[in-house]
């Protein structure tokens, strides 16, 4: 405990001294954005941050007023952060980092690397999905289903509309974001052949999902979009809502694959920061890896399955391993070829 306090104080002193001296901000090549850690940053059960901390040698600590301090590898230029869970935490943490004078983020790439629920119609637990569309599931009107009009399919509908899935859709104001499609495709092309961790335990869990061929495959890398919501929803009916909500806000161009909490908050802050020139929102990638399914398997209730998952995600270890294995391939490629990618973002082969 005393050692950690001393280290923190030394970091604060170094930061103050650096600011007083008018030091040049540190150029960051890649920011790895994770959302939570379990226990310590090293040496115990790994959450989203631990493998990055250990394997990317993020040895230099920078005090951060938010949920978790920042850690940097000064040789590689990779900076790791833990935002805290939920879009409020992710948005505020990313905004704080973007305004931090200690770092030059103007050329940085951003990799969101975290776990997620996965639609069994799309993939299996342990799989890794690169998102192009980030859809928000919180910005909406809601009437309790017991009080909705009889001809409405749901009591949940978009702001500034007259009914569920109203064709007269308003201009989005935070409900949907699209990442740079060429960068997303490049990341997918680079990693699509990576073999992901499998185990008898994963196979036993996916075997429950009879009638869902993709849920029964060994883990794989795919492209698929995220739905961010502060409520941890679960079940077949809400899974159907997620499909329709993503389809509605992306005009049929996106496909719901993973359920998350933070991505729209993260990207909203990056969008605002982009306007200041402090970051480049065209350099953002979102990788979500499946720790659990978003609905129950045949023969089980939604409540029973959710409570079972809350006791321990069946795919937690496989998903954090997949996030690092797939994500680090992209990070290492960018760092290794920084003289090229600093000014010219990578492009998929089809676009060259």
Protein backbone atom coordinates (compact mmCIF):
# COMPACT_ATOMS: atom_id res chain seq x y z
CA UNK A 1 0.00 0.00 0.00
CA UNK A 2 2.78 2.44 1.00
CA UNK A 3 4.67 1.66 -2.19
CA UNK A 4 1.62 2.41 -4.37
CA UNK A 5 1.06 5.71 -2.54
CA UNK A 6 4.67 6.72 -3.07
CA UNK A 7 4.48 5.82 -6.76
CA UNK A 8 1.30 7.87 -7.15
CA UNK A 9 2.88 10.87 -5.41
CA UNK A 10 5.95 10.65 -7.61
CA UNK A 11 3.72 10.58 -10.68
CA UNK A 12 1.89 13.67 -9.49
CA UNK A 13 5.16 15.47 -8.81
CA UNK A 14 6.49 14.50 -12.24
CA UNK A 15 3.31 15.73 -13.91
CA UNK A 16 3.39 19.07 -12.10
CA UNK A 17 7.08 19.52 -12.90
CA UNK A 18 6.47 18.70 -16.53
CA UNK A 19 3.64 21.21 -16.80
CA UNK A 20 5.68 23.88 -15.03
CA UNK A 21 8.54 23.36 -17.43
CA UNK A 22 6.24 23.68 -20.42
CA UNK A 23 7.28 20.24 -21.65
CA UNK A 24 6.28 19.08 -25.10
CA UNK A 25 3.22 16.77 -24.97
CA UNK A 26 3.94 13.08 -25.47
CA UNK A 27 2.89 11.86 -28.89
CA UNK A 28 0.55 8.89 -28.58
CA UNK A 29 0.32 6.38 -31.41
CA UNK A 30 -2.52 4.19 -30.13
CA UNK A 31 -4.97 4.60 -27.27
CA UNK A 32 -6.37 1.27 -26.08
CA UNK A 33 -9.76 1.91 -24.46
CA UNK A 34 -10.98 -0.72 -22.01
CA UNK A 35 -13.93 -0.41 -19.67
CA UNK A 36 -13.22 -2.46 -16.55
CA UNK A 37 -10.66 -4.50 -14.67
CA UNK A 38 -11.17 -7.23 -12.08
CA UNK A 39 -9.12 -6.60 -8.97
CA UNK A 40 -5.50 -5.63 -9.64
CA UNK A 41 -4.03 -4.69 -13.00
CA UNK A 42 -1.81 -7.76 -12.96
CA UNK A 43 -1.47 -11.15 -11.33
CA UNK A 44 -5.11 -12.15 -10.84
CA UNK A 45 -8.22 -12.86 -12.91
CA UNK A 46 -7.95 -10.74 -16.04
CA UNK A 47 -10.57 -8.18 -16.96
CA UNK A 48 -10.38 -6.11 -20.13
CA UNK A 49 -7.23 -4.16 -19.21
CA UNK A 50 -4.86 -6.66 -17.62
CA UNK A 51 -3.50 -8.39 -20.73
CA UNK A 52 -2.80 -5.03 -22.36
CA UNK A 53 -1.04 -3.81 -19.23
CA UNK A 54 1.15 -6.91 -19.00
CA UNK A 55 1.87 -7.74 -22.64
CA UNK A 56 2.18 -4.22 -24.05
CA UNK A 57 4.46 -3.28 -21.13
CA UNK A 58 2.41 -0.25 -20.09
CA UNK A 59 4.87 0.53 -17.32
CA UNK A 60 4.65 4.32 -16.90
CA UNK A 61 1.76 5.49 -14.77
CA UNK A 62 0.01 8.84 -15.20
CA UNK A 63 -2.44 9.96 -12.52
CA UNK A 64 -5.92 10.45 -13.91
CA UNK A 65 -8.83 12.02 -12.08
CA UNK A 66 -11.30 9.54 -13.47
CA UNK A 67 -12.00 5.88 -12.69
CA UNK A 68 -8.48 4.49 -13.24
CA UNK A 69 -5.00 5.90 -13.89
CA UNK A 70 -3.46 5.88 -17.36
CA UNK A 71 -0.54 3.65 -18.32
CA UNK A 72 1.94 4.22 -21.15
CA UNK A 73 4.69 2.33 -22.91
CA UNK A 74 6.95 5.29 -23.80
CA UNK A 75 8.91 3.23 -26.32
CA UNK A 76 5.91 2.08 -28.37
CA UNK A 77 3.64 5.08 -27.80
CA UNK A 78 0.73 2.86 -26.71
CA UNK A 79 -1.46 4.36 -23.97
CA UNK A 80 -3.96 2.25 -22.04
CA UNK A 81 -7.04 3.48 -20.21
CA UNK A 82 -9.92 2.01 -18.21
CA UNK A 83 -13.01 4.20 -18.48
CA UNK A 84 -15.36 2.53 -16.03
CA UNK A 85 -18.59 0.87 -17.11
CA UNK A 86 -21.50 2.63 -18.79
CA UNK A 87 -21.69 5.41 -21.33
CA UNK A 88 -21.52 8.15 -18.66
CA UNK A 89 -18.14 6.87 -17.52
CA UNK A 90 -16.79 6.23 -21.00
CA UNK A 91 -17.85 9.61 -22.38
CA UNK A 92 -16.44 11.58 -19.48
CA UNK A 93 -13.18 9.61 -19.31
CA UNK A 94 -12.49 9.97 -23.02
CA UNK A 95 -13.29 13.68 -22.90
CA UNK A 96 -10.92 14.12 -19.97
CA UNK A 97 -8.13 12.32 -21.81
CA UNK A 98 -8.77 14.27 -24.99
CA UNK A 99 -8.30 17.55 -23.13
CA UNK A 100 -5.23 16.37 -21.18
CA UNK A 101 -2.26 18.64 -22.02
CA UNK A 102 0.26 15.91 -21.22
CA UNK A 103 -0.52 14.04 -24.43
CA UNK A 104 -0.58 14.80 -28.14
CA UNK A 105 -3.45 12.70 -29.51
CA UNK A 106 -3.76 14.45 -32.84
CA UNK A 107 -2.41 11.48 -34.82
CA UNK A 108 -3.47 8.73 -32.42
CA UNK A 109 -5.52 5.71 -33.37
CA UNK A 110 -8.15 4.61 -30.85
CA UNK A 111 -8.97 0.97 -30.25
CA UNK A 112 -11.96 0.15 -28.07
CA UNK A 113 -11.32 -3.43 -26.94
CA UNK A 114 -13.91 -4.92 -24.63
CA UNK A 115 -16.22 -7.83 -23.98
CA UNK A 116 -19.88 -7.97 -24.96
CA UNK A 117 -22.99 -10.03 -25.22
CA UNK A 118 -23.40 -11.67 -28.62
CA UNK A 119 -26.46 -12.52 -30.67
CA UNK A 120 -26.44 -16.31 -31.14
CA UNK A 121 -27.75 -15.83 -34.66
CA UNK A 122 -24.45 -14.10 -35.53
CA UNK A 123 -21.60 -15.72 -33.61
CA UNK A 124 -20.45 -17.86 -30.71
CA UNK A 125 -18.96 -16.86 -27.37
CA UNK A 126 -15.23 -16.26 -27.65
CA UNK A 127 -15.71 -14.64 -31.08
CA UNK A 128 -14.46 -11.15 -31.98
CA UNK A 129 -16.51 -8.60 -33.93
CA UNK A 130 -15.32 -5.39 -35.60
CA UNK A 131 -18.08 -2.77 -35.59
CA UNK A 132 -18.80 -0.18 -38.26
CA UNK A 133 -22.04 1.18 -36.76
CA UNK A 134 -22.53 2.13 -33.12
CA UNK A 135 -26.20 2.42 -32.18
CA UNK A 136 -27.54 3.83 -28.92
CA UNK A 137 -30.34 2.00 -27.15
CA UNK A 138 -31.09 4.60 -24.48
CA UNK A 139 -32.13 7.75 -26.35
CA UNK A 140 -35.84 7.07 -26.83
CA UNK A 141 -39.41 7.48 -25.67
CA UNK A 142 -41.01 4.65 -23.71
CA UNK A 143 -44.51 3.71 -22.68
CA UNK A 144 -44.94 0.63 -20.52
CA UNK A 145 -46.05 -2.22 -22.80
CA UNK A 146 -49.17 -2.67 -20.66
CA UNK A 147 -50.30 0.84 -21.64
CA UNK A 148 -49.24 0.97 -25.30
CA UNK A 149 -51.78 1.29 -28.11
CA UNK A 150 -53.03 -2.07 -29.31
CA UNK A 151 -51.62 -1.62 -32.79
CA UNK A 152 -48.07 -0.82 -31.57
CA UNK A 153 -45.53 -3.63 -31.58
CA UNK A 154 -43.67 -2.06 -28.62
CA UNK A 155 -43.88 0.86 -26.25
CA UNK A 156 -40.31 1.90 -27.10
CA UNK A 157 -39.89 4.39 -29.93
CA UNK A 158 -37.50 7.02 -31.21
CA UNK A 159 -37.43 10.57 -29.92
CA UNK A 160 -39.34 13.08 -32.05
CA UNK A 161 -41.45 10.38 -33.71
CA UNK A 162 -45.12 9.45 -33.42
CA UNK A 163 -44.92 5.67 -33.15
CA UNK A 164 -42.49 2.73 -33.09
CA UNK A 165 -40.24 2.60 -36.15
CA UNK A 166 -41.87 5.68 -37.61
CA UNK A 167 -40.88 6.13 -41.26
CA UNK A 168 -40.59 9.88 -40.58
CA UNK A 169 -37.33 9.41 -38.74
CA UNK A 170 -35.65 12.54 -37.31
CA UNK A 171 -32.04 13.50 -37.87
CA UNK A 172 -29.94 11.50 -35.39
CA UNK A 173 -28.59 13.37 -32.38
CA UNK A 174 -26.60 10.60 -30.73
CA UNK A 175 -28.66 7.55 -31.69
CA UNK A 176 -26.23 6.25 -34.33
CA UNK A 177 -22.62 6.75 -35.37
CA UNK A 178 -20.66 5.28 -38.24
CA UNK A 179 -16.95 4.57 -37.89
CA UNK A 180 -14.53 4.97 -40.77
CA UNK A 181 -15.62 2.02 -42.94
CA UNK A 182 -12.25 1.67 -44.67
CA UNK A 183 -10.32 1.51 -41.40
CA UNK A 184 -12.81 -1.00 -40.02
CA UNK A 185 -12.48 -3.16 -43.12
CA UNK A 186 -8.68 -2.94 -42.94
CA UNK A 187 -8.68 -4.12 -39.32
CA UNK A 188 -11.03 -6.98 -40.19
CA UNK A 189 -8.98 -8.02 -43.22
CA UNK A 190 -5.80 -8.02 -41.12
CA UNK A 191 -7.29 -10.22 -38.40
CA UNK A 192 -10.01 -12.33 -39.98
CA UNK A 193 -7.83 -15.45 -40.13
CA UNK A 194 -6.66 -15.37 -36.52
CA UNK A 195 -7.36 -18.58 -34.61
CA UNK A 196 -9.16 -17.85 -31.35
CA UNK A 197 -9.14 -19.75 -28.09
CA UNK A 198 -11.56 -22.65 -27.76
CA UNK A 199 -12.24 -25.11 -24.96
CA UNK A 200 -14.56 -27.94 -23.94
CA UNK A 201 -16.37 -25.49 -21.67
CA UNK A 202 -17.08 -23.11 -24.55
CA UNK A 203 -18.26 -26.00 -26.71
CA UNK A 204 -20.61 -27.22 -23.99
CA UNK A 205 -22.17 -23.76 -23.71
CA UNK A 206 -22.59 -23.24 -27.45
CA UNK A 207 -24.02 -26.74 -27.91
CA UNK A 208 -27.06 -25.53 -25.98
CA UNK A 209 -27.98 -23.26 -28.89
CA UNK A 210 -29.48 -25.82 -31.22
CA UNK A 211 -30.98 -24.17 -34.29
CA UNK A 212 -28.36 -21.38 -34.25
CA UNK A 213 -25.52 -22.54 -36.53
CA UNK A 214 -23.26 -19.53 -35.91
CA UNK A 215 -23.64 -19.88 -32.15
CA UNK A 216 -22.38 -23.45 -32.41
CA UNK A 217 -19.22 -22.65 -34.38
CA UNK A 218 -15.83 -22.41 -32.69
CA UNK A 219 -14.91 -18.74 -32.00
CA UNK A 220 -14.14 -16.66 -35.09
CA UNK A 221 -13.51 -13.07 -36.22
CA UNK A 222 -16.33 -11.24 -37.99
CA UNK A 223 -17.76 -7.80 -38.70
CA UNK A 224 -20.83 -6.79 -36.72
CA UNK A 225 -22.31 -3.75 -35.08
CA UNK A 226 -22.86 -2.73 -31.47
CA UNK A 227 -25.92 -1.60 -29.53
CA UNK A 228 -25.02 0.47 -26.45
CA UNK A 229 -27.45 0.63 -23.54
CA UNK A 230 -26.96 1.37 -19.85
CA UNK A 231 -29.53 -1.32 -19.03
CA UNK A 232 -28.12 -4.86 -19.12
CA UNK A 233 -30.96 -6.36 -21.14
CA UNK A 234 -31.36 -10.06 -21.96
CA UNK A 235 -33.72 -12.48 -23.65
CA UNK A 236 -35.18 -13.49 -26.99
CA UNK A 237 -37.78 -10.71 -27.17
CA UNK A 238 -35.29 -7.95 -26.41
CA UNK A 239 -32.83 -9.58 -28.81
CA UNK A 240 -35.44 -9.18 -31.55
CA UNK A 241 -35.86 -5.53 -30.50
CA UNK A 242 -32.10 -5.01 -30.76
CA UNK A 243 -32.10 -6.31 -34.32
CA UNK A 244 -34.94 -4.05 -35.35
CA UNK A 245 -33.57 -0.98 -33.51
CA UNK A 246 -30.15 -1.28 -35.18
CA UNK A 247 -31.78 -1.89 -38.55
CA UNK A 248 -33.99 1.18 -38.07
CA UNK A 249 -31.21 3.60 -37.16
CA UNK A 250 -28.75 2.35 -39.80
CA UNK A 251 -31.34 2.29 -42.61
CA UNK A 252 -30.80 -1.42 -42.95
CA UNK A 253 -27.03 -1.09 -43.45
CA UNK A 254 -26.00 -2.26 -40.01
CA UNK A 255 -26.41 -5.61 -38.31
CA UNK A 256 -26.81 -6.07 -34.58
CA UNK A 257 -24.16 -8.48 -33.31
CA UNK A 258 -22.98 -7.32 -29.87
CA UNK A 259 -24.66 -5.72 -26.86
CA UNK A 260 -22.49 -3.24 -24.94
CA UNK A 261 -22.83 -0.23 -22.64
CA UNK A 262 -20.20 2.32 -23.59
CA UNK A 263 -19.46 2.69 -27.29
CA UNK A 264 -21.84 5.51 -28.21
CA UNK A 265 -20.66 7.52 -25.20
CA UNK A 266 -17.02 6.99 -26.16
CA UNK A 267 -17.55 8.00 -29.75
CA UNK A 268 -19.75 10.97 -28.87
CA UNK A 269 -16.87 12.49 -26.91
CA UNK A 270 -14.41 11.70 -29.69
CA UNK A 271 -16.76 13.41 -32.15
CA UNK A 272 -16.74 16.59 -30.07
CA UNK A 273 -12.97 16.40 -29.59
CA UNK A 274 -12.51 15.93 -33.34
CA UNK A 275 -13.99 19.38 -33.87
CA UNK A 276 -11.21 20.88 -31.72
CA UNK A 277 -8.45 19.15 -33.69
CA UNK A 278 -7.27 17.27 -30.60
CA UNK A 279 -8.23 13.86 -31.98
CA UNK A 280 -9.17 12.36 -35.32
CA UNK A 281 -12.45 10.44 -35.15
CA UNK A 282 -11.63 8.78 -38.47
CA UNK A 283 -8.98 6.77 -36.60
CA UNK A 284 -11.33 4.95 -34.23
CA UNK A 285 -11.87 1.19 -34.21
CA UNK A 286 -14.26 -0.81 -32.03
CA UNK A 287 -13.57 -4.48 -31.30
CA UNK A 288 -16.01 -6.36 -29.12
CA UNK A 289 -15.50 -9.98 -28.06
CA UNK A 290 -18.27 -12.28 -26.90
CA UNK A 291 -18.32 -13.27 -23.23
CA UNK A 292 -21.98 -14.36 -23.16
CA UNK A 293 -25.07 -14.71 -25.33
CA UNK A 294 -27.73 -12.00 -25.43
CA UNK A 295 -30.59 -14.48 -25.09
CA UNK A 296 -31.40 -17.84 -23.62
CA UNK A 297 -30.92 -21.19 -25.40
CA UNK A 298 -33.92 -23.31 -26.36
CA UNK A 299 -35.66 -24.85 -23.35
CA UNK A 300 -34.52 -22.23 -20.83
CA UNK A 301 -36.15 -19.03 -19.63
CA UNK A 302 -34.58 -15.62 -20.11
CA UNK A 303 -34.51 -15.02 -16.35
CA UNK A 304 -32.84 -18.34 -15.56
CA UNK A 305 -30.21 -17.80 -18.25
CA UNK A 306 -29.43 -14.25 -17.17
CA UNK A 307 -29.01 -15.29 -13.54
CA UNK A 308 -26.76 -18.14 -14.62
CA UNK A 309 -24.59 -15.75 -16.65
CA UNK A 310 -24.43 -13.27 -13.76
CA UNK A 311 -22.81 -16.02 -11.69
CA UNK A 312 -19.89 -15.96 -14.16
CA UNK A 313 -19.75 -15.40 -17.91
CA UNK A 314 -19.07 -18.67 -19.68
CA UNK A 315 -16.79 -16.95 -22.17
CA UNK A 316 -15.07 -14.34 -19.99
CA UNK A 317 -11.51 -15.64 -20.22
CA UNK A 318 -11.84 -16.53 -23.90
CA UNK A 319 -13.26 -13.10 -24.68
CA UNK A 320 -10.50 -11.11 -22.97
CA UNK A 321 -7.91 -13.33 -24.65
CA UNK A 322 -9.59 -12.75 -28.02
CA UNK A 323 -9.70 -8.99 -27.48
CA UNK A 324 -5.96 -8.95 -26.92
CA UNK A 325 -5.04 -11.46 -29.61
CA UNK A 326 -7.06 -9.71 -32.31
CA UNK A 327 -6.63 -6.15 -31.07
CA UNK A 328 -2.88 -6.36 -30.51
CA UNK A 329 -2.39 -7.51 -34.09
CA UNK A 330 -3.79 -4.16 -35.22
CA UNK A 331 -1.93 -2.17 -32.57
CA UNK A 332 1.42 -3.80 -33.38
CA UNK A 333 0.93 -3.22 -37.10
CA UNK A 334 0.28 0.49 -36.56
CA UNK A 335 3.21 0.95 -34.17
CA UNK A 336 5.63 -0.99 -36.36
CA UNK A 337 4.74 1.07 -39.44
CA UNK A 338 4.24 4.38 -37.67
CA UNK A 339 6.27 6.37 -40.18
CA UNK A 340 3.66 5.39 -42.75
CA UNK A 341 0.47 5.37 -40.67
CA UNK A 342 1.14 8.59 -38.77
CA UNK A 343 0.07 10.61 -41.81
CA UNK A 344 -1.73 8.04 -43.95
CA UNK A 345 -4.29 5.73 -42.32
CA UNK A 346 -4.22 2.12 -43.51
CA UNK A 347 -6.61 1.17 -46.28
CA UNK A 348 -8.17 -2.17 -47.19
CA UNK A 349 -6.70 -3.79 -50.29
CA UNK A 350 -9.90 -3.20 -52.26
CA UNK A 351 -9.64 0.57 -51.74
CA UNK A 352 -5.99 0.99 -52.73
